[in-house]
Amino acid sequence: MTNKLLVTSITVVLFSVATVEPGAQETSENEVKVEVRAAWDFYIEAFSNARTDIVSRDIYAAPSYQLGVRSGSLRRTTADTKTAFDAIHRSLAKDRYDRTETEATEVCVINAGAALLTARFTRHRDDNSVITNGASAYLFGKLDVGWRIVAIIGNPTAKLITCDQN
């Protein structure tokens, strides 16, 4: 996928999740933060338990994007997402993966239907030793079926994005 097409696709997705129907009841920023954090916690639990079926069906949107440091990829379907997470877990199994724990999160509310969650996390082995520390940003959209991850953005500097407090 070309960068121009990827940027256009992301713009369309952002516009889609950012549109709030006229007359819809306004959701407070705090409510959005609580709901997105609950969706994140559900994701971490499902990921830690290798429930790639739940991750792909109930947590990620289809389509969704994985935006890395040098390139991006499009996961067009739930099956594409499941395949990607199955591959991640096969790789983690070689390191005796047990669970992922969240060290810190920041939720930036864009509007009642879109939020950016950034997180620092640690992946642990079954003996409690650390496999890796990491950080990513996740664009959440409130879709007809609830909050879903629309895009994951790699964050090699492990900095959390902070929200404007004004």
N, C-alpha and C. Protein backbone atom coordinates (compact mmCIF):
# COMPACT_ATOMS: atom_id res chain seq x y z
N MET A 1 0.86 -1.17 0.00
CA MET A 1 0.00 0.00 0.00
C MET A 1 0.90 1.23 0.00
N THR A 2 0.61 2.17 -0.85
CA THR A 2 1.42 3.38 -0.91
C THR A 2 1.12 4.26 0.29
N ASN A 3 2.10 5.12 0.64
CA ASN A 3 1.90 6.03 1.76
C ASN A 3 0.70 6.93 1.54
N LYS A 4 0.51 7.42 0.29
CA LYS A 4 -0.61 8.31 0.01
C LYS A 4 -1.94 7.59 0.24
N LEU A 5 -2.04 6.35 -0.22
CA LEU A 5 -3.25 5.57 -0.02
C LEU A 5 -3.47 5.28 1.46
N LEU A 6 -2.41 4.98 2.19
CA LEU A 6 -2.52 4.72 3.62
C LEU A 6 -3.02 5.96 4.35
N VAL A 7 -2.44 7.12 4.04
CA VAL A 7 -2.87 8.37 4.70
C VAL A 7 -4.32 8.67 4.35
N THR A 8 -4.71 8.46 3.10
CA THR A 8 -6.10 8.69 2.70
C THR A 8 -7.03 7.75 3.44
N SER A 9 -6.66 6.49 3.56
CA SER A 9 -7.49 5.51 4.27
C SER A 9 -7.65 5.88 5.73
N ILE A 10 -6.56 6.30 6.37
CA ILE A 10 -6.63 6.69 7.78
C ILE A 10 -7.51 7.93 7.94
N THR A 11 -7.39 8.87 7.02
CA THR A 11 -8.23 10.08 7.08
C THR A 11 -9.70 9.72 6.99
N VAL A 12 -10.05 8.80 6.11
CA VAL A 12 -11.43 8.35 5.99
C VAL A 12 -11.90 7.70 7.28
N VAL A 13 -11.08 6.85 7.87
CA VAL A 13 -11.44 6.19 9.12
C VAL A 13 -11.61 7.22 10.23
N LEU A 14 -10.68 8.17 10.35
CA LEU A 14 -10.79 9.20 11.38
C LEU A 14 -12.05 10.01 11.21
N PHE A 15 -12.39 10.38 9.98
CA PHE A 15 -13.60 11.14 9.73
C PHE A 15 -14.82 10.31 10.13
N SER A 16 -14.79 9.03 9.81
CA SER A 16 -15.92 8.15 10.12
C SER A 16 -16.15 8.02 11.61
N VAL A 17 -15.08 7.86 12.40
CA VAL A 17 -15.26 7.69 13.84
C VAL A 17 -15.47 9.02 14.53
N ALA A 18 -15.12 10.12 13.89
CA ALA A 18 -15.25 11.43 14.52
C ALA A 18 -16.61 12.05 14.30
N THR A 19 -17.42 11.49 13.43
CA THR A 19 -18.72 12.07 13.15
C THR A 19 -19.71 11.64 14.22
N VAL A 20 -20.35 12.61 14.84
CA VAL A 20 -21.38 12.34 15.84
C VAL A 20 -22.72 12.74 15.24
N GLU A 21 -23.70 11.87 15.37
CA GLU A 21 -25.00 12.16 14.80
C GLU A 21 -25.63 13.36 15.46
N PRO A 22 -26.32 14.23 14.66
CA PRO A 22 -27.01 15.37 15.24
C PRO A 22 -28.06 14.89 16.24
N GLY A 23 -28.18 15.57 17.33
CA GLY A 23 -29.16 15.22 18.35
C GLY A 23 -28.71 14.13 19.29
N ALA A 24 -27.52 13.55 19.04
CA ALA A 24 -27.01 12.51 19.93
C ALA A 24 -26.64 13.14 21.27
N GLN A 25 -26.88 12.41 22.35
CA GLN A 25 -26.56 12.92 23.67
C GLN A 25 -25.05 13.06 23.82
N GLU A 26 -24.63 14.19 24.34
CA GLU A 26 -23.20 14.47 24.52
C GLU A 26 -22.62 13.56 25.61
N THR A 27 -21.48 12.96 25.33
CA THR A 27 -20.78 12.13 26.30
C THR A 27 -19.66 12.97 26.91
N SER A 28 -19.52 12.90 28.22
CA SER A 28 -18.48 13.70 28.87
C SER A 28 -17.11 13.11 28.57
N GLU A 29 -16.10 13.96 28.64
CA GLU A 29 -14.73 13.52 28.40
C GLU A 29 -14.33 12.43 29.39
N ASN A 30 -14.75 12.57 30.64
CA ASN A 30 -14.42 11.56 31.64
C ASN A 30 -15.06 10.21 31.31
N GLU A 31 -16.31 10.23 30.82
CA GLU A 31 -16.98 8.99 30.44
C GLU A 31 -16.22 8.29 29.31
N VAL A 32 -15.77 9.07 28.33
CA VAL A 32 -15.01 8.50 27.23
C VAL A 32 -13.72 7.87 27.76
N LYS A 33 -13.02 8.58 28.65
CA LYS A 33 -11.77 8.04 29.21
C LYS A 33 -12.02 6.73 29.95
N VAL A 34 -13.08 6.66 30.73
CA VAL A 34 -13.40 5.44 31.48
C VAL A 34 -13.73 4.29 30.52
N GLU A 35 -14.53 4.58 29.49
CA GLU A 35 -14.92 3.55 28.53
C GLU A 35 -13.71 3.05 27.73
N VAL A 36 -12.85 3.97 27.29
CA VAL A 36 -11.68 3.57 26.51
C VAL A 36 -10.71 2.78 27.38
N ARG A 37 -10.53 3.20 28.62
CA ARG A 37 -9.64 2.45 29.51
C ARG A 37 -10.20 1.05 29.78
N ALA A 38 -11.51 0.92 29.91
CA ALA A 38 -12.12 -0.40 30.08
C ALA A 38 -11.89 -1.26 28.84
N ALA A 39 -12.00 -0.66 27.66
CA ALA A 39 -11.74 -1.39 26.41
C ALA A 39 -10.28 -1.83 26.35
N TRP A 40 -9.37 -0.95 26.82
CA TRP A 40 -7.94 -1.29 26.87
C TRP A 40 -7.70 -2.47 27.82
N ASP A 41 -8.28 -2.40 29.00
CA ASP A 41 -8.09 -3.48 29.98
C ASP A 41 -8.62 -4.81 29.43
N PHE A 42 -9.74 -4.76 28.73
CA PHE A 42 -10.31 -5.95 28.09
C PHE A 42 -9.33 -6.50 27.05
N TYR A 43 -8.71 -5.61 26.29
CA TYR A 43 -7.71 -6.00 25.29
C TYR A 43 -6.51 -6.67 25.94
N ILE A 44 -5.97 -6.06 26.99
CA ILE A 44 -4.78 -6.62 27.65
C ILE A 44 -5.09 -8.00 28.22
N GLU A 45 -6.27 -8.16 28.80
CA GLU A 45 -6.65 -9.47 29.34
C GLU A 45 -6.76 -10.51 28.23
N ALA A 46 -7.43 -10.16 27.14
CA ALA A 46 -7.59 -11.09 26.02
C ALA A 46 -6.23 -11.41 25.39
N PHE A 47 -5.40 -10.37 25.20
CA PHE A 47 -4.07 -10.59 24.62
C PHE A 47 -3.25 -11.50 25.52
N SER A 48 -3.25 -11.23 26.82
CA SER A 48 -2.46 -12.04 27.76
C SER A 48 -2.89 -13.50 27.78
N ASN A 49 -4.16 -13.73 27.53
CA ASN A 49 -4.69 -15.10 27.52
C ASN A 49 -4.68 -15.72 26.13
N ALA A 50 -3.98 -15.08 25.18
CA ALA A 50 -3.86 -15.57 23.80
C ALA A 50 -5.22 -15.79 23.15
N ARG A 51 -6.19 -14.98 23.51
CA ARG A 51 -7.53 -15.09 22.93
C ARG A 51 -7.59 -14.23 21.67
N THR A 52 -6.89 -14.69 20.65
CA THR A 52 -6.83 -13.94 19.40
C THR A 52 -8.20 -13.85 18.73
N ASP A 53 -9.08 -14.78 19.03
CA ASP A 53 -10.45 -14.71 18.51
C ASP A 53 -11.17 -13.50 19.09
N ILE A 54 -11.00 -13.26 20.39
CA ILE A 54 -11.63 -12.10 21.03
C ILE A 54 -10.97 -10.81 20.57
N VAL A 55 -9.64 -10.81 20.50
CA VAL A 55 -8.91 -9.61 20.06
C VAL A 55 -9.39 -9.21 18.67
N SER A 56 -9.49 -10.14 17.77
CA SER A 56 -9.86 -9.82 16.39
C SER A 56 -11.35 -9.52 16.22
N ARG A 57 -12.20 -10.14 16.98
CA ARG A 57 -13.65 -9.98 16.83
C ARG A 57 -14.22 -8.85 17.67
N ASP A 58 -13.73 -8.71 18.92
CA ASP A 58 -14.38 -7.81 19.88
C ASP A 58 -13.55 -6.60 20.26
N ILE A 59 -12.31 -6.52 19.81
CA ILE A 59 -11.45 -5.41 20.26
C ILE A 59 -10.98 -4.55 19.08
N TYR A 60 -10.55 -5.17 18.01
CA TYR A 60 -10.10 -4.43 16.84
C TYR A 60 -11.24 -4.22 15.86
N ALA A 61 -11.24 -3.06 15.20
CA ALA A 61 -12.17 -2.79 14.11
C ALA A 61 -11.67 -3.53 12.86
N ALA A 62 -12.56 -3.77 11.94
CA ALA A 62 -12.17 -4.29 10.63
C ALA A 62 -12.75 -3.34 9.59
N PRO A 63 -11.91 -2.65 8.87
CA PRO A 63 -10.46 -2.76 8.83
C PRO A 63 -9.80 -2.03 9.99
N SER A 64 -8.53 -2.32 10.19
CA SER A 64 -7.71 -1.59 11.15
C SER A 64 -6.30 -1.47 10.56
N TYR A 65 -5.53 -0.59 11.18
CA TYR A 65 -4.20 -0.28 10.67
C TYR A 65 -3.15 -0.56 11.73
N GLN A 66 -1.99 -1.02 11.27
CA GLN A 66 -0.81 -1.13 12.12
C GLN A 66 0.23 -0.22 11.49
N LEU A 67 0.58 0.85 12.21
CA LEU A 67 1.49 1.85 11.69
C LEU A 67 2.80 1.74 12.44
N GLY A 68 3.82 1.28 11.73
CA GLY A 68 5.13 1.09 12.31
C GLY A 68 6.03 2.29 12.09
N VAL A 69 7.27 2.14 12.48
CA VAL A 69 8.25 3.22 12.35
C VAL A 69 8.51 3.53 10.88
N ARG A 70 8.59 2.51 10.05
CA ARG A 70 8.95 2.72 8.64
C ARG A 70 7.81 2.47 7.67
N SER A 71 6.77 1.77 8.09
CA SER A 71 5.69 1.45 7.15
C SER A 71 4.42 1.12 7.93
N GLY A 72 3.37 0.94 7.18
CA GLY A 72 2.09 0.58 7.77
C GLY A 72 1.48 -0.59 7.04
N SER A 73 0.53 -1.23 7.71
CA SER A 73 -0.19 -2.32 7.06
C SER A 73 -1.67 -2.20 7.39
N LEU A 74 -2.46 -2.71 6.50
CA LEU A 74 -3.90 -2.69 6.64
C LEU A 74 -4.38 -4.11 6.94
N ARG A 75 -5.14 -4.23 7.99
CA ARG A 75 -5.79 -5.51 8.30
C ARG A 75 -7.24 -5.33 7.88
N ARG A 76 -7.56 -5.85 6.72
CA ARG A 76 -8.87 -5.59 6.11
C ARG A 76 -10.03 -6.28 6.83
N THR A 77 -9.78 -7.48 7.36
CA THR A 77 -10.86 -8.29 7.92
C THR A 77 -10.52 -8.76 9.33
N THR A 78 -11.52 -9.26 9.99
CA THR A 78 -11.31 -9.89 11.30
C THR A 78 -10.33 -11.06 11.17
N ALA A 79 -10.44 -11.80 10.09
CA ALA A 79 -9.53 -12.94 9.86
C ALA A 79 -8.09 -12.46 9.70
N ASP A 80 -7.88 -11.33 9.02
CA ASP A 80 -6.53 -10.77 8.89
C ASP A 80 -5.96 -10.41 10.26
N THR A 81 -6.79 -9.82 11.10
CA THR A 81 -6.35 -9.43 12.44
C THR A 81 -6.02 -10.67 13.26
N LYS A 82 -6.87 -11.68 13.19
CA LYS A 82 -6.61 -12.91 13.94
C LYS A 82 -5.31 -13.56 13.48
N THR A 83 -5.07 -13.61 12.18
CA THR A 83 -3.84 -14.17 11.63
C THR A 83 -2.62 -13.43 12.17
N ALA A 84 -2.70 -12.10 12.20
CA ALA A 84 -1.58 -11.29 12.70
C ALA A 84 -1.32 -11.57 14.18
N PHE A 85 -2.38 -11.65 14.99
CA PHE A 85 -2.19 -11.89 16.42
C PHE A 85 -1.79 -13.34 16.71
N ASP A 86 -2.25 -14.28 15.89
CA ASP A 86 -1.77 -15.66 16.04
C ASP A 86 -0.26 -15.71 15.82
N ALA A 87 0.24 -14.98 14.82
CA ALA A 87 1.69 -14.95 14.55
C ALA A 87 2.45 -14.31 15.71
N ILE A 88 1.90 -13.25 16.27
CA ILE A 88 2.54 -12.61 17.43
C ILE A 88 2.65 -13.60 18.59
N HIS A 89 1.58 -14.33 18.84
CA HIS A 89 1.60 -15.28 19.96
C HIS A 89 2.49 -16.49 19.71
N ARG A 90 2.61 -16.92 18.46
CA ARG A 90 3.56 -18.01 18.16
C ARG A 90 4.98 -17.56 18.48
N SER A 91 5.29 -16.31 18.12
CA SER A 91 6.62 -15.75 18.42
C SER A 91 6.84 -15.62 19.93
N LEU A 92 5.83 -15.11 20.63
CA LEU A 92 5.95 -14.93 22.09
C LEU A 92 6.06 -16.27 22.82
N ALA A 93 5.43 -17.31 22.29
CA ALA A 93 5.48 -18.63 22.93
C ALA A 93 6.92 -19.15 23.01
N LYS A 94 7.74 -18.78 22.05
CA LYS A 94 9.15 -19.19 22.07
C LYS A 94 9.89 -18.61 23.28
N ASP A 95 9.39 -17.47 23.78
CA ASP A 95 9.99 -16.83 24.97
C ASP A 95 9.24 -17.18 26.25
N ARG A 96 8.35 -18.20 26.18
CA ARG A 96 7.56 -18.62 27.34
C ARG A 96 6.69 -17.47 27.87
N TYR A 97 6.06 -16.76 26.95
CA TYR A 97 5.20 -15.63 27.30
C TYR A 97 4.09 -16.05 28.25
N ASP A 98 3.85 -15.20 29.25
CA ASP A 98 2.78 -15.44 30.21
C ASP A 98 1.72 -14.35 30.19
N ARG A 99 2.16 -13.06 30.19
CA ARG A 99 1.18 -11.98 30.31
C ARG A 99 1.82 -10.64 29.95
N THR A 100 0.94 -9.67 29.73
CA THR A 100 1.34 -8.29 29.52
C THR A 100 0.72 -7.45 30.63
N GLU A 101 1.52 -6.57 31.21
CA GLU A 101 1.03 -5.65 32.24
C GLU A 101 1.24 -4.22 31.77
N THR A 102 0.28 -3.37 32.07
CA THR A 102 0.35 -1.96 31.71
C THR A 102 1.01 -1.18 32.83
N GLU A 103 2.04 -0.40 32.49
CA GLU A 103 2.71 0.45 33.47
C GLU A 103 2.06 1.84 33.54
N ALA A 104 1.68 2.37 32.41
CA ALA A 104 1.11 3.72 32.37
C ALA A 104 0.27 3.89 31.12
N THR A 105 -0.78 4.68 31.23
CA THR A 105 -1.59 5.03 30.08
C THR A 105 -1.95 6.51 30.14
N GLU A 106 -2.24 7.03 28.99
CA GLU A 106 -2.79 8.37 28.85
C GLU A 106 -3.88 8.27 27.80
N VAL A 107 -5.07 8.77 28.12
CA VAL A 107 -6.17 8.77 27.15
C VAL A 107 -6.46 10.22 26.78
N CYS A 108 -6.31 10.52 25.50
CA CYS A 108 -6.62 11.84 24.98
C CYS A 108 -7.94 11.73 24.21
N VAL A 109 -8.95 12.40 24.71
CA VAL A 109 -10.26 12.37 24.07
C VAL A 109 -10.25 13.36 22.90
N ILE A 110 -10.53 12.87 21.73
CA ILE A 110 -10.62 13.72 20.55
C ILE A 110 -12.03 14.27 20.44
N ASN A 111 -13.00 13.39 20.61
CA ASN A 111 -14.42 13.76 20.66
C ASN A 111 -15.16 12.58 21.27
N ALA A 112 -16.48 12.63 21.31
CA ALA A 112 -17.26 11.57 21.96
C ALA A 112 -17.12 10.22 21.28
N GLY A 113 -16.58 10.20 20.05
CA GLY A 113 -16.46 8.94 19.33
C GLY A 113 -15.05 8.54 18.97
N ALA A 114 -14.05 9.29 19.47
CA ALA A 114 -12.67 8.97 19.12
C ALA A 114 -11.74 9.37 20.25
N ALA A 115 -10.77 8.52 20.53
CA ALA A 115 -9.78 8.81 21.57
C ALA A 115 -8.47 8.12 21.22
N LEU A 116 -7.39 8.72 21.68
CA LEU A 116 -6.06 8.14 21.50
C LEU A 116 -5.55 7.71 22.87
N LEU A 117 -5.25 6.42 23.00
CA LEU A 117 -4.68 5.89 24.23
C LEU A 117 -3.23 5.56 23.94
N THR A 118 -2.33 6.09 24.75
CA THR A 118 -0.93 5.68 24.66
C THR A 118 -0.60 4.91 25.93
N ALA A 119 0.23 3.90 25.77
CA ALA A 119 0.52 3.02 26.91
C ALA A 119 1.95 2.54 26.89
N ARG A 120 2.50 2.37 28.08
CA ARG A 120 3.76 1.66 28.29
C ARG A 120 3.39 0.32 28.93
N PHE A 121 4.02 -0.73 28.44
CA PHE A 121 3.67 -2.06 28.94
C PHE A 121 4.90 -2.93 29.04
N THR A 122 4.76 -4.01 29.80
CA THR A 122 5.83 -5.00 29.95
C THR A 122 5.25 -6.38 29.67
N ARG A 123 5.98 -7.15 28.88
CA ARG A 123 5.61 -8.54 28.63
C ARG A 123 6.49 -9.42 29.50
N HIS A 124 5.84 -10.38 30.20
CA HIS A 124 6.52 -11.25 31.15
C HIS A 124 6.50 -12.70 30.69
N ARG A 125 7.53 -13.43 31.11
CA ARG A 125 7.59 -14.89 30.90
C ARG A 125 6.82 -15.57 32.03
N ASP A 126 6.71 -16.89 31.89
CA ASP A 126 6.01 -17.68 32.91
C ASP A 126 6.78 -17.74 34.23
N ASP A 127 8.06 -17.36 34.25
CA ASP A 127 8.81 -17.31 35.51
C ASP A 127 8.87 -15.88 36.07
N ASN A 128 8.06 -14.99 35.51
CA ASN A 128 7.93 -13.59 35.92
C ASN A 128 9.06 -12.69 35.43
N SER A 129 10.04 -13.22 34.71
CA SER A 129 11.09 -12.37 34.16
C SER A 129 10.51 -11.58 32.97
N VAL A 130 11.20 -10.51 32.63
CA VAL A 130 10.72 -9.61 31.59
C VAL A 130 11.21 -10.05 30.22
N ILE A 131 10.29 -10.14 29.27
CA ILE A 131 10.65 -10.39 27.87
C ILE A 131 11.02 -9.06 27.23
N THR A 132 10.13 -8.08 27.39
CA THR A 132 10.36 -6.78 26.77
C THR A 132 9.50 -5.71 27.42
N ASN A 133 9.97 -4.48 27.29
CA ASN A 133 9.17 -3.31 27.64
C ASN A 133 8.84 -2.62 26.33
N GLY A 134 7.66 -2.06 26.24
CA GLY A 134 7.28 -1.40 25.00
C GLY A 134 6.29 -0.29 25.23
N ALA A 135 5.97 0.38 24.15
CA ALA A 135 4.96 1.44 24.18
C ALA A 135 4.32 1.54 22.80
N SER A 136 3.06 1.88 22.79
CA SER A 136 2.32 2.07 21.54
C SER A 136 1.21 3.07 21.78
N ALA A 137 0.69 3.57 20.70
CA ALA A 137 -0.50 4.43 20.74
C ALA A 137 -1.61 3.69 20.02
N TYR A 138 -2.82 3.85 20.49
CA TYR A 138 -3.96 3.14 19.94
C TYR A 138 -5.06 4.16 19.67
N LEU A 139 -5.51 4.22 18.43
CA LEU A 139 -6.65 5.06 18.09
C LEU A 139 -7.90 4.22 18.30
N PHE A 140 -8.74 4.65 19.23
CA PHE A 140 -10.01 3.97 19.50
C PHE A 140 -11.14 4.75 18.85
N GLY A 141 -12.07 4.03 18.26
CA GLY A 141 -13.28 4.64 17.71
C GLY A 141 -14.49 3.99 18.32
N LYS A 142 -15.52 4.79 18.60
CA LYS A 142 -16.77 4.24 19.12
C LYS A 142 -17.65 3.93 17.92
N LEU A 143 -17.76 2.65 17.61
CA LEU A 143 -18.51 2.18 16.45
C LEU A 143 -19.87 1.65 16.90
N ASP A 144 -20.66 1.18 15.97
CA ASP A 144 -21.98 0.65 16.30
C ASP A 144 -21.91 -0.45 17.35
N VAL A 145 -20.80 -1.19 17.38
CA VAL A 145 -20.64 -2.34 18.29
C VAL A 145 -19.85 -1.99 19.55
N GLY A 146 -19.53 -0.71 19.73
CA GLY A 146 -18.78 -0.28 20.91
C GLY A 146 -17.40 0.21 20.54
N TRP A 147 -16.58 0.42 21.56
CA TRP A 147 -15.23 0.93 21.35
C TRP A 147 -14.35 -0.14 20.72
N ARG A 148 -13.66 0.23 19.64
CA ARG A 148 -12.77 -0.68 18.94
C ARG A 148 -11.46 0.04 18.65
N ILE A 149 -10.37 -0.73 18.58
CA ILE A 149 -9.09 -0.18 18.16
C ILE A 149 -9.13 -0.08 16.63
N VAL A 150 -8.93 1.13 16.14
CA VAL A 150 -8.96 1.40 14.71
C VAL A 150 -7.53 1.36 14.15
N ALA A 151 -6.57 1.77 14.97
CA ALA A 151 -5.18 1.75 14.53
C ALA A 151 -4.26 1.61 15.73
N ILE A 152 -3.18 0.88 15.53
CA ILE A 152 -2.10 0.79 16.52
C ILE A 152 -0.89 1.47 15.88
N ILE A 153 -0.22 2.29 16.67
CA ILE A 153 0.90 3.07 16.18
C ILE A 153 2.11 2.76 17.06
N GLY A 154 3.14 2.21 16.45
CA GLY A 154 4.36 1.88 17.18
C GLY A 154 5.00 3.12 17.77
N ASN A 155 5.58 2.96 18.95
CA ASN A 155 6.17 4.09 19.67
C ASN A 155 7.52 3.65 20.25
N PRO A 156 8.56 3.64 19.42
CA PRO A 156 9.85 3.13 19.90
C PRO A 156 10.51 3.99 20.98
N THR A 157 10.10 5.24 21.13
CA THR A 157 10.70 6.08 22.18
C THR A 157 10.02 5.87 23.52
N ALA A 158 8.92 5.13 23.55
CA ALA A 158 8.18 4.81 24.78
C ALA A 158 7.67 6.06 25.51
N LYS A 159 7.51 7.14 24.78
CA LYS A 159 6.93 8.35 25.37
C LYS A 159 5.42 8.30 25.28
N LEU A 160 4.76 8.65 26.36
CA LEU A 160 3.31 8.75 26.30
C LEU A 160 2.95 10.10 25.71
N ILE A 161 1.94 10.11 24.86
CA ILE A 161 1.44 11.36 24.32
C ILE A 161 0.56 11.98 25.40
N THR A 162 0.82 13.23 25.71
CA THR A 162 0.02 13.90 26.72
C THR A 162 -1.03 14.77 26.04
N CYS A 163 -2.12 14.96 26.74
CA CYS A 163 -3.24 15.72 26.18
C CYS A 163 -3.11 17.20 26.57
N ASP A 164 -3.62 18.03 25.71
CA ASP A 164 -3.70 19.45 26.00
C ASP A 164 -4.66 19.63 27.17
N GLN A 165 -4.24 20.30 28.19
CA GLN A 165 -5.06 20.47 29.39
C GLN A 165 -5.94 21.71 29.35
N ASN A 166 -5.93 22.45 28.26
CA ASN A 166 -6.78 23.66 28.16
C ASN A 166 -8.19 23.32 27.81
